[in-house]
Each structure stands twice: as C-alpha cells, then as structure tokens.
Protein backbone atom coordinates (compact mmCIF):
# COMPACT_ATOMS: atom_id res chain seq x y z
CA UNK A 1 -92.41 -34.40 3.07
CA UNK A 2 -96.13 -33.85 2.61
CA UNK A 3 -97.64 -31.04 4.72
CA UNK A 4 -100.78 -33.09 5.42
CA UNK A 5 -98.67 -35.90 6.86
CA UNK A 6 -96.85 -33.42 9.11
CA UNK A 7 -100.16 -32.06 10.43
CA UNK A 8 -101.39 -35.60 11.11
CA UNK A 9 -98.21 -36.43 13.02
CA UNK A 10 -98.49 -33.25 15.08
CA UNK A 11 -102.15 -33.97 15.85
CA UNK A 12 -101.31 -37.52 16.91
CA UNK A 13 -98.58 -36.25 19.22
CA UNK A 14 -100.95 -33.72 20.80
CA UNK A 15 -103.55 -36.45 21.38
CA UNK A 16 -100.93 -38.73 22.94
CA UNK A 17 -99.65 -35.99 25.25
CA UNK A 18 -103.22 -35.23 26.34
CA UNK A 19 -103.92 -38.89 27.10
CA UNK A 20 -100.59 -39.34 28.90
CA UNK A 21 -101.58 -36.49 31.20
CA UNK A 22 -104.99 -38.03 31.88
CA UNK A 23 -106.93 -35.18 30.27
CA UNK A 24 -110.17 -35.52 28.33
CA UNK A 25 -110.87 -33.63 25.13
CA UNK A 26 -113.24 -31.39 27.09
CA UNK A 27 -110.65 -30.61 29.77
CA UNK A 28 -107.86 -29.75 27.34
CA UNK A 29 -110.25 -27.77 25.15
CA UNK A 30 -111.25 -25.66 28.16
CA UNK A 31 -107.62 -25.14 29.18
CA UNK A 32 -106.65 -24.12 25.66
CA UNK A 33 -109.64 -21.84 25.04
CA UNK A 34 -111.16 -23.76 22.15
CA UNK A 35 -114.17 -25.99 21.63
CA UNK A 36 -114.03 -29.76 21.99
CA UNK A 37 -114.85 -30.07 18.30
CA UNK A 38 -111.95 -27.83 17.28
CA UNK A 39 -109.54 -29.77 19.50
CA UNK A 40 -110.78 -33.03 17.94
CA UNK A 41 -109.93 -31.58 14.52
CA UNK A 42 -106.48 -30.61 15.78
CA UNK A 43 -105.87 -34.14 17.07
CA UNK A 44 -106.94 -35.58 13.71
CA UNK A 45 -104.36 -33.35 12.03
CA UNK A 46 -106.88 -31.45 9.95
CA UNK A 47 -105.10 -29.24 7.41
CA UNK A 48 -108.05 -26.82 7.46
CA UNK A 49 -107.37 -25.84 11.08
CA UNK A 50 -105.21 -22.78 11.64
CA UNK A 51 -101.79 -23.36 13.18
CA UNK A 52 -102.85 -21.03 15.98
CA UNK A 53 -105.13 -23.80 17.27
CA UNK A 54 -102.27 -26.30 17.25
CA UNK A 55 -100.23 -23.70 19.17
CA UNK A 56 -103.03 -23.22 21.72
CA UNK A 57 -103.19 -26.96 22.38
CA UNK A 58 -99.42 -27.18 22.76
CA UNK A 59 -99.34 -24.17 25.10
CA UNK A 60 -102.07 -25.72 27.28
CA UNK A 61 -99.94 -28.89 27.44
CA UNK A 62 -96.91 -26.77 28.36
CA UNK A 63 -95.11 -28.13 25.30
CA UNK A 64 -93.32 -26.78 22.26
CA UNK A 65 -92.41 -27.89 18.76
CA UNK A 66 -88.88 -28.91 17.92
CA UNK A 67 -88.11 -28.78 14.21
CA UNK A 68 -85.77 -31.49 12.99
CA UNK A 69 -84.73 -32.39 9.46
CA UNK A 70 -86.70 -35.23 7.90
CA UNK A 71 -84.66 -38.31 7.15
CA UNK A 72 -85.17 -41.28 4.95
CA UNK A 73 -84.88 -44.78 6.42
CA UNK A 74 -81.60 -46.57 5.91
CA UNK A 75 -81.32 -49.67 3.75
CA UNK A 76 -80.99 -51.81 6.89
CA UNK A 77 -84.16 -50.30 8.39
CA UNK A 78 -86.06 -51.04 5.19
CA UNK A 79 -84.70 -54.56 5.05
CA UNK A 80 -86.21 -55.23 8.51
CA UNK A 81 -89.59 -53.95 7.35
CA UNK A 82 -89.68 -56.17 4.26
CA UNK A 83 -88.46 -59.42 5.84
C-alpha cells in the first residue's frame, strides 16, 4: 500500500475524531502543542509532516494507532462496486 495513501487516511481519521469531539482546529492545535497550520497539514495527510506531529494530535485526542494488515477487497465486494 502506498505510504501517501496511509498518511491521508490517518489525517482523515484525526480530522473526524476532532470534529466528533466538537473541537476546532485552533482548540486541538493548542491542546497538542502545535500551530493551527501544522494541524491542518496533519489532517490533510501531508507526507512532509513528521510522524511526531501525527502522534501529538493523537495524544491530544487520547487515541492510539492500531496497525492491521491491509487486505484486498473480495470478488463479491468488487462486484457490488461495479454493478
């Protein structure tokens, strides 16, 4: 799996967790000790941002990463997509 795609997925999940908790970019940035601009880059999944910033955002959200093996969709799942 492409590393850029993984970063984008992680950023999207961080953004969704922030929104689910009713936090603004400014609020989560302050809680995580980074600027609003840096947090926006994290949420976009920027590959140029150090993983330490992703970790700071996750820590401020009291969350962690769970690593699971990537899987390919089954034939039946693909059939539903292409109907």
